Amino acid sequence: MTDFADFVKICGVTSVSDALLVSGAGASALGMVLAPVSKRRCDPSVAAAIVRELGTFPCVGVFRGQRDDEIISLVETVGLRAVQLHDPASADLLSRLRALHVDTIIRAVSYGTPEYDELDTDGIDAVLVDGPEPGSGQSATWVATPSFCVPVIVAGGLTPESVGTWIAKFDVDGVDVASGTEASFGVKDPDKVASFVGNARAAWHRKRIA
């Protein structure tokens, strides 16, 4: 997964059935939270089943508050080729991930924090700029489009109703959503997923022809 143009990621997937729903709705990728601190954690055995079932469809493992060895072990167990890291990543971890054929590394950071201002994008493929508390559904509070030398994905409180406004207002390469497409924690709502993907694609189309 190297193309982040009009990128739509549906995160917080916890079941094979929801994974099939997301891929069938035309999303660019799905995210499976493998961090034990998350209420949307996907069991590693389920995550591995999702990867097997979806084949080449991009499945992103999301990590937060985990040791390098734990991340590497889960990447191997699940069969991941894409990861999203919510903590600073050492050059050693990035090198180990690439050695496991991880071709996409997304670095998540909260907008307006000291970490955001000092973020080093060497060795990563995209930056996901989140709200103040990742996974909480709290909206990001951007005043300007983040400027990085890699593609930028926006997250934090997006919904099917608001995603078009964000795309129109800011020059971003992708969008990411979890709570905004749920029926309940960790369970996707088919109509919300379809609307989110459709509204995002339509907003990018309008922007190109404007």
N, C-alpha and C. Protein backbone atom coordinates (compact mmCIF):
# COMPACT_ATOMS: atom_id res chain seq x y z
N MET A 1 0.86 -1.20 0.00
CA MET A 1 0.00 0.00 0.00
C MET A 1 0.89 1.24 0.00
N THR A 2 1.03 1.85 -1.15
CA THR A 2 1.88 3.02 -1.26
C THR A 2 1.14 4.26 -1.76
N ASP A 3 -0.06 4.09 -2.28
CA ASP A 3 -0.81 5.20 -2.85
C ASP A 3 -1.79 5.77 -1.81
N PHE A 4 -1.54 7.01 -1.39
CA PHE A 4 -2.41 7.63 -0.38
C PHE A 4 -3.35 8.67 -1.00
N ALA A 5 -3.48 8.68 -2.31
CA ALA A 5 -4.40 9.63 -2.94
C ALA A 5 -5.84 9.21 -2.64
N ASP A 6 -6.63 10.16 -2.13
CA ASP A 6 -8.04 9.90 -1.80
C ASP A 6 -8.16 8.68 -0.88
N PHE A 7 -7.32 8.63 0.11
CA PHE A 7 -7.20 7.47 1.00
C PHE A 7 -8.28 7.51 2.08
N VAL A 8 -9.02 6.40 2.20
CA VAL A 8 -10.08 6.30 3.20
C VAL A 8 -9.83 5.04 4.03
N LYS A 9 -9.52 5.23 5.30
CA LYS A 9 -9.27 4.11 6.20
C LYS A 9 -10.37 4.03 7.24
N ILE A 10 -10.95 2.84 7.38
CA ILE A 10 -11.95 2.59 8.40
C ILE A 10 -11.27 1.79 9.51
N CYS A 11 -11.14 2.40 10.67
CA CYS A 11 -10.38 1.79 11.76
C CYS A 11 -11.32 1.20 12.82
N GLY A 12 -10.72 0.44 13.73
CA GLY A 12 -11.50 -0.16 14.81
C GLY A 12 -12.26 -1.40 14.38
N VAL A 13 -11.79 -2.10 13.34
CA VAL A 13 -12.44 -3.32 12.87
C VAL A 13 -12.05 -4.47 13.81
N THR A 14 -13.04 -5.24 14.25
CA THR A 14 -12.78 -6.29 15.23
C THR A 14 -13.31 -7.66 14.81
N SER A 15 -13.86 -7.78 13.61
CA SER A 15 -14.42 -9.06 13.18
C SER A 15 -14.22 -9.24 11.68
N VAL A 16 -14.23 -10.49 11.24
CA VAL A 16 -14.11 -10.79 9.82
C VAL A 16 -15.30 -10.23 9.06
N SER A 17 -16.49 -10.31 9.63
CA SER A 17 -17.68 -9.81 8.93
C SER A 17 -17.59 -8.30 8.70
N ASP A 18 -17.10 -7.56 9.70
CA ASP A 18 -16.96 -6.12 9.50
C ASP A 18 -15.82 -5.81 8.53
N ALA A 19 -14.79 -6.62 8.53
CA ALA A 19 -13.71 -6.43 7.57
C ALA A 19 -14.22 -6.58 6.14
N LEU A 20 -15.05 -7.57 5.91
CA LEU A 20 -15.64 -7.77 4.59
C LEU A 20 -16.56 -6.62 4.22
N LEU A 21 -17.29 -6.09 5.21
CA LEU A 21 -18.15 -4.94 4.99
C LEU A 21 -17.33 -3.74 4.54
N VAL A 22 -16.23 -3.48 5.23
CA VAL A 22 -15.38 -2.31 4.93
C VAL A 22 -14.75 -2.44 3.55
N SER A 23 -14.20 -3.61 3.24
CA SER A 23 -13.58 -3.78 1.94
C SER A 23 -14.62 -3.69 0.82
N GLY A 24 -15.81 -4.22 1.07
CA GLY A 24 -16.87 -4.18 0.07
C GLY A 24 -17.42 -2.79 -0.16
N ALA A 25 -17.28 -1.90 0.83
CA ALA A 25 -17.79 -0.53 0.72
C ALA A 25 -16.87 0.38 -0.08
N GLY A 26 -15.71 -0.13 -0.46
CA GLY A 26 -14.81 0.67 -1.28
C GLY A 26 -13.78 1.47 -0.52
N ALA A 27 -13.56 1.15 0.76
CA ALA A 27 -12.52 1.82 1.52
C ALA A 27 -11.15 1.47 0.95
N SER A 28 -10.16 2.31 1.25
CA SER A 28 -8.79 2.05 0.79
C SER A 28 -8.08 1.05 1.68
N ALA A 29 -8.45 1.04 2.96
CA ALA A 29 -7.78 0.18 3.93
C ALA A 29 -8.65 0.08 5.17
N LEU A 30 -8.34 -0.90 6.01
CA LEU A 30 -8.99 -0.99 7.32
C LEU A 30 -7.92 -1.04 8.40
N GLY A 31 -8.32 -0.65 9.60
CA GLY A 31 -7.39 -0.68 10.73
C GLY A 31 -7.89 -1.62 11.81
N MET A 32 -6.96 -2.37 12.38
CA MET A 32 -7.25 -3.28 13.48
C MET A 32 -6.39 -2.85 14.67
N VAL A 33 -7.01 -2.45 15.76
CA VAL A 33 -6.27 -1.97 16.91
C VAL A 33 -5.75 -3.17 17.70
N LEU A 34 -4.44 -3.28 17.80
CA LEU A 34 -3.81 -4.39 18.50
C LEU A 34 -3.21 -3.96 19.84
N ALA A 35 -3.51 -2.74 20.23
CA ALA A 35 -3.02 -2.21 21.51
C ALA A 35 -3.94 -2.67 22.64
N PRO A 36 -3.39 -3.25 23.71
CA PRO A 36 -4.23 -3.76 24.81
C PRO A 36 -4.97 -2.66 25.55
N VAL A 37 -4.55 -1.40 25.40
CA VAL A 37 -5.20 -0.30 26.13
C VAL A 37 -6.50 0.14 25.48
N SER A 38 -6.81 -0.38 24.28
CA SER A 38 -7.97 0.13 23.54
C SER A 38 -9.22 -0.68 23.80
N LYS A 39 -10.36 0.02 23.88
CA LYS A 39 -11.66 -0.64 24.00
C LYS A 39 -12.09 -1.24 22.67
N ARG A 40 -11.38 -0.92 21.59
CA ARG A 40 -11.67 -1.50 20.28
C ARG A 40 -10.60 -2.52 19.88
N ARG A 41 -9.95 -3.09 20.84
CA ARG A 41 -8.87 -4.03 20.54
C ARG A 41 -9.41 -5.22 19.74
N CYS A 42 -8.67 -5.58 18.72
CA CYS A 42 -8.98 -6.75 17.91
C CYS A 42 -8.09 -7.90 18.39
N ASP A 43 -8.68 -9.02 18.73
CA ASP A 43 -7.90 -10.16 19.15
C ASP A 43 -6.93 -10.56 18.03
N PRO A 44 -5.67 -10.82 18.35
CA PRO A 44 -4.71 -11.15 17.29
C PRO A 44 -5.12 -12.32 16.40
N SER A 45 -5.78 -13.31 16.97
CA SER A 45 -6.22 -14.43 16.16
C SER A 45 -7.29 -14.00 15.15
N VAL A 46 -8.15 -13.09 15.56
CA VAL A 46 -9.16 -12.55 14.64
C VAL A 46 -8.48 -11.68 13.58
N ALA A 47 -7.51 -10.88 14.01
CA ALA A 47 -6.78 -10.04 13.06
C ALA A 47 -6.09 -10.89 12.00
N ALA A 48 -5.49 -12.01 12.41
CA ALA A 48 -4.83 -12.91 11.47
C ALA A 48 -5.85 -13.50 10.49
N ALA A 49 -7.04 -13.83 11.01
CA ALA A 49 -8.10 -14.36 10.15
C ALA A 49 -8.56 -13.32 9.14
N ILE A 50 -8.64 -12.07 9.57
CA ILE A 50 -9.02 -10.98 8.66
C ILE A 50 -8.00 -10.85 7.53
N VAL A 51 -6.72 -10.86 7.88
CA VAL A 51 -5.67 -10.73 6.87
C VAL A 51 -5.74 -11.89 5.87
N ARG A 52 -5.96 -13.09 6.37
CA ARG A 52 -6.06 -14.25 5.48
C ARG A 52 -7.29 -14.13 4.57
N GLU A 53 -8.41 -13.71 5.14
CA GLU A 53 -9.67 -13.63 4.38
C GLU A 53 -9.61 -12.57 3.30
N LEU A 54 -8.98 -11.43 3.60
CA LEU A 54 -9.00 -10.31 2.66
C LEU A 54 -7.86 -10.33 1.66
N GLY A 55 -6.90 -11.20 1.84
CA GLY A 55 -5.83 -11.33 0.86
C GLY A 55 -5.01 -10.08 0.70
N THR A 56 -5.09 -9.46 -0.48
CA THR A 56 -4.24 -8.29 -0.76
C THR A 56 -4.84 -6.98 -0.26
N PHE A 57 -6.06 -7.00 0.26
CA PHE A 57 -6.66 -5.75 0.73
C PHE A 57 -5.84 -5.22 1.92
N PRO A 58 -5.51 -3.92 1.93
CA PRO A 58 -4.64 -3.37 2.97
C PRO A 58 -5.26 -3.42 4.37
N CYS A 59 -4.61 -4.13 5.27
CA CYS A 59 -5.03 -4.24 6.66
C CYS A 59 -3.91 -3.66 7.53
N VAL A 60 -4.25 -2.62 8.29
CA VAL A 60 -3.25 -1.89 9.08
C VAL A 60 -3.36 -2.27 10.55
N GLY A 61 -2.26 -2.73 11.12
CA GLY A 61 -2.23 -3.00 12.55
C GLY A 61 -1.88 -1.73 13.31
N VAL A 62 -2.68 -1.39 14.31
CA VAL A 62 -2.51 -0.15 15.06
C VAL A 62 -1.91 -0.47 16.43
N PHE A 63 -0.80 0.21 16.75
CA PHE A 63 -0.07 -0.08 17.99
C PHE A 63 0.10 1.19 18.83
N ARG A 64 -0.03 1.01 20.14
CA ARG A 64 0.14 2.13 21.06
C ARG A 64 0.54 1.60 22.44
N GLY A 65 1.60 2.17 23.00
CA GLY A 65 2.04 1.79 24.33
C GLY A 65 2.60 0.39 24.41
N GLN A 66 3.24 -0.07 23.35
CA GLN A 66 3.77 -1.43 23.30
C GLN A 66 5.27 -1.42 23.02
N ARG A 67 5.96 -2.42 23.57
CA ARG A 67 7.39 -2.57 23.36
C ARG A 67 7.67 -2.99 21.92
N ASP A 68 8.86 -2.71 21.46
CA ASP A 68 9.24 -3.07 20.09
C ASP A 68 9.08 -4.56 19.84
N ASP A 69 9.53 -5.39 20.78
CA ASP A 69 9.45 -6.84 20.59
C ASP A 69 8.01 -7.32 20.47
N GLU A 70 7.11 -6.69 21.23
CA GLU A 70 5.69 -7.05 21.15
C GLU A 70 5.12 -6.69 19.79
N ILE A 71 5.49 -5.52 19.30
CA ILE A 71 5.03 -5.09 17.97
C ILE A 71 5.51 -6.06 16.90
N ILE A 72 6.78 -6.39 16.94
CA ILE A 72 7.35 -7.30 15.95
C ILE A 72 6.67 -8.66 16.01
N SER A 73 6.44 -9.16 17.22
CA SER A 73 5.79 -10.46 17.38
C SER A 73 4.38 -10.46 16.77
N LEU A 74 3.63 -9.39 17.02
CA LEU A 74 2.27 -9.31 16.49
C LEU A 74 2.26 -9.14 14.97
N VAL A 75 3.21 -8.39 14.45
CA VAL A 75 3.31 -8.25 13.00
C VAL A 75 3.51 -9.61 12.35
N GLU A 76 4.38 -10.41 12.95
CA GLU A 76 4.64 -11.75 12.42
C GLU A 76 3.43 -12.66 12.58
N THR A 77 2.81 -12.64 13.77
CA THR A 77 1.67 -13.52 14.06
C THR A 77 0.48 -13.22 13.16
N VAL A 78 0.18 -11.94 12.99
CA VAL A 78 -1.00 -11.53 12.22
C VAL A 78 -0.73 -11.57 10.71
N GLY A 79 0.53 -11.39 10.32
CA GLY A 79 0.86 -11.35 8.90
C GLY A 79 0.68 -9.97 8.30
N LEU A 80 1.01 -8.94 9.07
CA LEU A 80 0.78 -7.56 8.64
C LEU A 80 1.80 -7.08 7.63
N ARG A 81 1.34 -6.24 6.72
CA ARG A 81 2.22 -5.55 5.78
C ARG A 81 2.09 -4.03 5.94
N ALA A 82 1.27 -3.61 6.89
CA ALA A 82 1.09 -2.18 7.15
C ALA A 82 0.85 -1.98 8.64
N VAL A 83 1.46 -0.92 9.21
CA VAL A 83 1.31 -0.64 10.63
C VAL A 83 1.07 0.85 10.84
N GLN A 84 0.44 1.14 11.96
CA GLN A 84 0.23 2.53 12.41
C GLN A 84 0.77 2.62 13.82
N LEU A 85 1.75 3.48 14.04
CA LEU A 85 2.44 3.59 15.31
C LEU A 85 2.06 4.89 16.00
N HIS A 86 1.61 4.79 17.25
CA HIS A 86 1.22 5.97 18.02
C HIS A 86 2.30 6.41 19.00
N ASP A 87 3.46 5.81 18.91
CA ASP A 87 4.59 6.18 19.79
C ASP A 87 5.82 6.41 18.93
N PRO A 88 6.80 7.16 19.47
CA PRO A 88 8.05 7.34 18.73
C PRO A 88 8.66 5.99 18.36
N ALA A 89 9.15 5.90 17.14
CA ALA A 89 9.72 4.64 16.65
C ALA A 89 11.22 4.81 16.41
N SER A 90 11.99 3.93 17.00
CA SER A 90 13.43 3.97 16.81
C SER A 90 13.79 3.51 15.40
N ALA A 91 14.98 3.86 14.96
CA ALA A 91 15.46 3.41 13.66
C ALA A 91 15.54 1.89 13.64
N ASP A 92 15.85 1.30 14.79
CA ASP A 92 15.93 -0.16 14.86
C ASP A 92 14.56 -0.80 14.61
N LEU A 93 13.50 -0.25 15.24
CA LEU A 93 12.17 -0.80 15.03
C LEU A 93 11.76 -0.66 13.57
N LEU A 94 12.00 0.50 12.98
CA LEU A 94 11.63 0.70 11.58
C LEU A 94 12.37 -0.29 10.67
N SER A 95 13.64 -0.51 10.97
CA SER A 95 14.42 -1.45 10.19
C SER A 95 13.89 -2.88 10.33
N ARG A 96 13.52 -3.25 11.55
CA ARG A 96 12.98 -4.60 11.78
C ARG A 96 11.64 -4.78 11.08
N LEU A 97 10.82 -3.75 11.07
CA LEU A 97 9.54 -3.82 10.36
C LEU A 97 9.75 -4.01 8.86
N ARG A 98 10.67 -3.25 8.29
CA ARG A 98 10.93 -3.37 6.86
C ARG A 98 11.48 -4.77 6.53
N ALA A 99 12.27 -5.32 7.44
CA ALA A 99 12.81 -6.66 7.22
C ALA A 99 11.70 -7.72 7.19
N LEU A 100 10.57 -7.40 7.83
CA LEU A 100 9.41 -8.30 7.83
C LEU A 100 8.47 -7.99 6.66
N HIS A 101 8.95 -7.17 5.72
CA HIS A 101 8.20 -6.82 4.51
C HIS A 101 6.99 -5.93 4.80
N VAL A 102 7.08 -5.16 5.87
CA VAL A 102 6.06 -4.12 6.12
C VAL A 102 6.36 -2.97 5.16
N ASP A 103 5.47 -2.74 4.20
CA ASP A 103 5.74 -1.73 3.19
C ASP A 103 5.09 -0.38 3.48
N THR A 104 4.26 -0.33 4.52
CA THR A 104 3.60 0.92 4.86
C THR A 104 3.67 1.16 6.36
N ILE A 105 4.31 2.26 6.75
CA ILE A 105 4.40 2.65 8.15
C ILE A 105 3.78 4.04 8.29
N ILE A 106 2.68 4.10 9.05
CA ILE A 106 1.98 5.36 9.31
C ILE A 106 2.30 5.78 10.74
N ARG A 107 2.71 7.01 10.92
CA ARG A 107 3.01 7.54 12.26
C ARG A 107 1.87 8.45 12.69
N ALA A 108 1.22 8.11 13.79
CA ALA A 108 0.10 8.90 14.30
C ALA A 108 0.59 9.88 15.36
N VAL A 109 0.05 11.10 15.32
CA VAL A 109 0.45 12.13 16.27
C VAL A 109 -0.74 13.08 16.48
N SER A 110 -0.88 13.60 17.67
CA SER A 110 -1.96 14.54 17.96
C SER A 110 -1.57 15.95 17.55
N TYR A 111 -2.49 16.63 16.90
CA TYR A 111 -2.24 17.99 16.40
C TYR A 111 -1.96 18.95 17.56
N GLY A 112 -0.97 19.84 17.34
CA GLY A 112 -0.70 20.91 18.29
C GLY A 112 0.12 20.52 19.50
N THR A 113 0.59 19.28 19.58
CA THR A 113 1.40 18.84 20.71
C THR A 113 2.88 19.09 20.42
N PRO A 114 3.73 19.10 21.44
CA PRO A 114 5.17 19.22 21.19
C PRO A 114 5.69 18.14 20.26
N GLU A 115 5.15 16.93 20.39
CA GLU A 115 5.57 15.84 19.51
C GLU A 115 5.23 16.15 18.06
N TYR A 116 4.07 16.73 17.83
CA TYR A 116 3.66 17.12 16.48
C TYR A 116 4.65 18.12 15.88
N ASP A 117 5.03 19.11 16.68
CA ASP A 117 5.93 20.16 16.19
C ASP A 117 7.32 19.63 15.87
N GLU A 118 7.72 18.53 16.53
CA GLU A 118 9.09 18.03 16.39
C GLU A 118 9.16 16.72 15.60
N LEU A 119 8.05 16.29 15.00
CA LEU A 119 7.99 14.97 14.39
C LEU A 119 9.00 14.79 13.27
N ASP A 120 9.75 13.70 13.35
CA ASP A 120 10.71 13.32 12.32
C ASP A 120 10.05 12.29 11.42
N THR A 121 9.94 12.60 10.14
CA THR A 121 9.25 11.69 9.21
C THR A 121 10.19 10.75 8.48
N ASP A 122 11.46 10.74 8.82
CA ASP A 122 12.39 9.81 8.18
C ASP A 122 11.95 8.37 8.46
N GLY A 123 11.88 7.58 7.41
CA GLY A 123 11.58 6.17 7.57
C GLY A 123 10.11 5.82 7.64
N ILE A 124 9.22 6.81 7.54
CA ILE A 124 7.79 6.53 7.57
C ILE A 124 7.16 6.93 6.23
N ASP A 125 5.96 6.43 5.99
CA ASP A 125 5.32 6.64 4.69
C ASP A 125 4.19 7.65 4.71
N ALA A 126 3.62 7.92 5.88
CA ALA A 126 2.53 8.89 6.01
C ALA A 126 2.40 9.29 7.47
N VAL A 127 1.80 10.45 7.69
CA VAL A 127 1.50 10.93 9.04
C VAL A 127 -0.01 10.98 9.20
N LEU A 128 -0.51 10.38 10.27
CA LEU A 128 -1.92 10.49 10.63
C LEU A 128 -2.02 11.50 11.77
N VAL A 129 -2.68 12.62 11.50
CA VAL A 129 -2.82 13.68 12.49
C VAL A 129 -4.17 13.51 13.18
N ASP A 130 -4.11 13.19 14.47
CA ASP A 130 -5.30 12.82 15.22
C ASP A 130 -5.78 13.96 16.10
N GLY A 131 -6.92 13.73 16.76
CA GLY A 131 -7.43 14.67 17.75
C GLY A 131 -6.64 14.56 19.05
N PRO A 132 -7.09 15.24 20.09
CA PRO A 132 -6.33 15.30 21.34
C PRO A 132 -6.18 13.96 22.04
N GLU A 133 -7.13 13.06 21.86
CA GLU A 133 -7.06 11.73 22.49
C GLU A 133 -7.45 10.68 21.47
N PRO A 134 -6.46 10.01 20.86
CA PRO A 134 -6.76 9.03 19.80
C PRO A 134 -7.78 7.98 20.25
N GLY A 135 -8.76 7.73 19.37
CA GLY A 135 -9.78 6.73 19.66
C GLY A 135 -10.96 7.22 20.46
N SER A 136 -10.90 8.49 20.89
CA SER A 136 -11.96 9.02 21.74
C SER A 136 -13.14 9.59 20.95
N GLY A 137 -12.91 9.85 19.66
CA GLY A 137 -13.94 10.51 18.86
C GLY A 137 -13.92 12.02 19.00
N GLN A 138 -12.95 12.56 19.77
CA GLN A 138 -12.84 14.01 19.89
C GLN A 138 -12.29 14.60 18.60
N SER A 139 -12.88 15.70 18.16
CA SER A 139 -12.49 16.29 16.89
C SER A 139 -11.12 16.94 16.97
N ALA A 140 -10.41 16.86 15.85
CA ALA A 140 -9.18 17.61 15.71
C ALA A 140 -9.52 19.10 15.64
N THR A 141 -8.56 19.95 16.00
CA THR A 141 -8.82 21.40 16.04
C THR A 141 -7.79 22.12 15.18
N TRP A 142 -7.70 21.72 13.93
CA TRP A 142 -6.72 22.33 13.04
C TRP A 142 -7.08 23.78 12.74
N VAL A 143 -6.04 24.59 12.56
CA VAL A 143 -6.23 25.94 12.04
C VAL A 143 -5.57 26.07 10.67
N ALA A 144 -4.71 25.10 10.33
CA ALA A 144 -4.06 25.08 9.03
C ALA A 144 -3.70 23.65 8.68
N THR A 145 -3.59 23.38 7.40
CA THR A 145 -3.20 22.04 6.97
C THR A 145 -1.80 21.71 7.47
N PRO A 146 -1.61 20.58 8.13
CA PRO A 146 -0.26 20.20 8.57
C PRO A 146 0.69 20.10 7.39
N SER A 147 1.92 20.49 7.61
CA SER A 147 2.92 20.47 6.55
C SER A 147 3.99 19.44 6.86
N PHE A 148 3.98 18.35 6.13
CA PHE A 148 4.99 17.31 6.26
C PHE A 148 5.45 16.92 4.85
N CYS A 149 6.59 16.24 4.77
CA CYS A 149 7.11 15.84 3.46
C CYS A 149 6.58 14.47 3.05
N VAL A 150 5.61 13.94 3.79
CA VAL A 150 4.94 12.69 3.45
C VAL A 150 3.44 12.95 3.44
N PRO A 151 2.63 12.04 2.87
CA PRO A 151 1.18 12.25 2.86
C PRO A 151 0.60 12.42 4.26
N VAL A 152 -0.48 13.22 4.34
CA VAL A 152 -1.14 13.52 5.62
C VAL A 152 -2.55 12.95 5.61
N ILE A 153 -2.87 12.22 6.68
CA ILE A 153 -4.21 11.65 6.89
C ILE A 153 -4.80 12.33 8.11
N VAL A 154 -6.06 12.75 8.02
CA VAL A 154 -6.72 13.39 9.15
C VAL A 154 -7.61 12.39 9.87
N ALA A 155 -7.62 12.46 11.20
CA ALA A 155 -8.48 11.62 12.03
C ALA A 155 -8.95 12.44 13.22
N GLY A 156 -9.90 11.88 13.95
CA GLY A 156 -10.36 12.56 15.16
C GLY A 156 -11.76 13.12 15.02
N GLY A 157 -12.76 12.32 15.38
CA GLY A 157 -14.13 12.83 15.41
C GLY A 157 -14.80 12.97 14.06
N LEU A 158 -14.23 12.39 13.02
CA LEU A 158 -14.88 12.49 11.71
C LEU A 158 -16.15 11.63 11.67
N THR A 159 -17.10 12.07 10.89
CA THR A 159 -18.38 11.36 10.70
C THR A 159 -18.74 11.40 9.22
N PRO A 160 -19.73 10.61 8.80
CA PRO A 160 -20.18 10.72 7.41
C PRO A 160 -20.64 12.14 7.06
N GLU A 161 -21.17 12.85 8.04
CA GLU A 161 -21.68 14.21 7.79
C GLU A 161 -20.57 15.25 7.72
N SER A 162 -19.46 15.03 8.44
CA SER A 162 -18.43 16.06 8.52
C SER A 162 -17.24 15.82 7.60
N VAL A 163 -17.07 14.60 7.09
CA VAL A 163 -15.85 14.29 6.34
C VAL A 163 -15.70 15.15 5.10
N GLY A 164 -16.79 15.45 4.41
CA GLY A 164 -16.71 16.27 3.21
C GLY A 164 -16.22 17.68 3.51
N THR A 165 -16.64 18.22 4.64
CA THR A 165 -16.21 19.56 5.04
C THR A 165 -14.72 19.60 5.30
N TRP A 166 -14.21 18.59 5.99
CA TRP A 166 -12.78 18.52 6.27
C TRP A 166 -11.97 18.43 4.98
N ILE A 167 -12.40 17.61 4.05
CA ILE A 167 -11.67 17.46 2.80
C ILE A 167 -11.71 18.76 2.00
N ALA A 168 -12.85 19.45 2.00
CA ALA A 168 -12.97 20.71 1.27
C ALA A 168 -12.09 21.80 1.89
N LYS A 169 -11.98 21.80 3.20
CA LYS A 169 -11.30 22.89 3.91
C LYS A 169 -9.79 22.71 3.95
N PHE A 170 -9.34 21.47 4.05
CA PHE A 170 -7.92 21.22 4.23
C PHE A 170 -7.36 20.35 3.11
N ASP A 171 -6.09 20.58 2.81
CA ASP A 171 -5.43 19.85 1.73
C ASP A 171 -4.81 18.57 2.29
N VAL A 172 -5.65 17.56 2.51
CA VAL A 172 -5.18 16.30 3.08
C VAL A 172 -5.24 15.19 2.04
N ASP A 173 -4.42 14.17 2.25
CA ASP A 173 -4.36 13.06 1.32
C ASP A 173 -5.33 11.94 1.70
N GLY A 174 -5.69 11.89 2.98
CA GLY A 174 -6.54 10.80 3.42
C GLY A 174 -7.34 11.14 4.65
N VAL A 175 -8.33 10.28 4.96
CA VAL A 175 -9.15 10.43 6.16
C VAL A 175 -9.23 9.08 6.86
N ASP A 176 -9.44 9.13 8.16
CA ASP A 176 -9.48 7.92 8.98
C ASP A 176 -10.62 8.06 10.00
N VAL A 177 -11.36 6.99 10.21
CA VAL A 177 -12.51 7.06 11.11
C VAL A 177 -12.65 5.75 11.87
N ALA A 178 -13.11 5.84 13.11
CA ALA A 178 -13.47 4.64 13.88
C ALA A 178 -14.88 4.83 14.43
N SER A 179 -15.01 5.67 15.47
CA SER A 179 -16.30 5.82 16.15
C SER A 179 -17.39 6.34 15.23
N GLY A 180 -17.04 7.15 14.24
CA GLY A 180 -18.03 7.74 13.35
C GLY A 180 -18.71 6.75 12.42
N THR A 181 -18.22 5.50 12.40
CA THR A 181 -18.85 4.49 11.54
C THR A 181 -19.34 3.30 12.35
N GLU A 182 -19.56 3.50 13.66
CA GLU A 182 -19.93 2.39 14.53
C GLU A 182 -21.41 2.37 14.89
N ALA A 183 -21.91 1.15 15.06
CA ALA A 183 -23.22 0.95 15.69
C ALA A 183 -23.06 0.88 17.20
N SER A 184 -21.94 0.31 17.64
CA SER A 184 -21.53 0.25 19.05
C SER A 184 -20.03 0.03 19.07
N PHE A 185 -19.40 0.10 20.24
CA PHE A 185 -17.95 -0.04 20.31
C PHE A 185 -17.47 -1.28 19.58
N GLY A 186 -16.64 -1.10 18.56
CA GLY A 186 -16.05 -2.21 17.85
C GLY A 186 -16.95 -2.90 16.85
N VAL A 187 -18.16 -2.38 16.64
CA VAL A 187 -19.11 -2.98 15.70
C VAL A 187 -19.50 -1.93 14.66
N LYS A 188 -19.29 -2.24 13.40
CA LYS A 188 -19.55 -1.27 12.34
C LYS A 188 -21.02 -1.22 11.94
N ASP A 189 -21.44 -0.01 11.55
CA ASP A 189 -22.77 0.22 11.01
C ASP A 189 -22.65 0.28 9.49
N PRO A 190 -23.28 -0.65 8.77
CA PRO A 190 -23.12 -0.69 7.30
C PRO A 190 -23.47 0.62 6.61
N ASP A 191 -24.53 1.27 7.03
CA ASP A 191 -24.94 2.53 6.38
C ASP A 191 -23.92 3.64 6.64
N LYS A 192 -23.40 3.70 7.86
CA LYS A 192 -22.40 4.73 8.19
C LYS A 192 -21.10 4.50 7.43
N VAL A 193 -20.69 3.24 7.32
CA VAL A 193 -19.48 2.94 6.57
C VAL A 193 -19.64 3.35 5.11
N ALA A 194 -20.75 2.94 4.50
CA ALA A 194 -20.99 3.28 3.09
C ALA A 194 -21.08 4.79 2.88
N SER A 195 -21.76 5.48 3.79
CA SER A 195 -21.90 6.94 3.67
C SER A 195 -20.57 7.65 3.83
N PHE A 196 -19.78 7.18 4.79
CA PHE A 196 -18.47 7.82 5.02
C PHE A 196 -17.59 7.70 3.78
N VAL A 197 -17.49 6.49 3.26
CA VAL A 197 -16.66 6.27 2.07
C VAL A 197 -17.20 7.07 0.89
N GLY A 198 -18.50 7.01 0.66
CA GLY A 198 -19.10 7.71 -0.46
C GLY A 198 -18.96 9.22 -0.36
N ASN A 199 -19.17 9.77 0.82
CA ASN A 199 -19.06 11.22 1.01
C ASN A 199 -17.63 11.71 0.86
N ALA A 200 -16.68 10.91 1.32
CA ALA A 200 -15.27 11.28 1.17
C ALA A 200 -14.88 11.29 -0.31
N ARG A 201 -15.25 10.24 -1.02
CA ARG A 201 -14.91 10.17 -2.44
C ARG A 201 -15.56 11.32 -3.22
N ALA A 202 -16.80 11.63 -2.89
CA ALA A 202 -17.50 12.71 -3.58
C ALA A 202 -16.84 14.06 -3.30
N ALA A 203 -16.38 14.26 -2.08
CA ALA A 203 -15.73 15.53 -1.72
C ALA A 203 -14.42 15.71 -2.49
N TRP A 204 -13.65 14.66 -2.61
CA TRP A 204 -12.41 14.76 -3.38
C TRP A 204 -12.71 14.99 -4.86
N HIS A 205 -13.75 14.38 -5.38
CA HIS A 205 -14.13 14.60 -6.78
C HIS A 205 -14.51 16.06 -7.00
N ARG A 206 -15.32 16.61 -6.10
CA ARG A 206 -15.70 18.03 -6.24
C ARG A 206 -14.48 18.93 -6.17
N LYS A 207 -13.53 18.58 -5.34
CA LYS A 207 -12.33 19.41 -5.19
C LYS A 207 -11.49 19.40 -6.47
N ARG A 208 -11.42 18.25 -7.12
CA ARG A 208 -10.62 18.15 -8.35
C ARG A 208 -11.22 18.94 -9.50
N ILE A 209 -12.55 18.98 -9.57
CA ILE A 209 -13.17 19.63 -10.73
C ILE A 209 -13.49 21.10 -10.46
N ALA A 210 -13.28 21.55 -9.23
CA ALA A 210 -13.61 22.95 -8.88
C ALA A 210 -12.68 23.93 -9.62
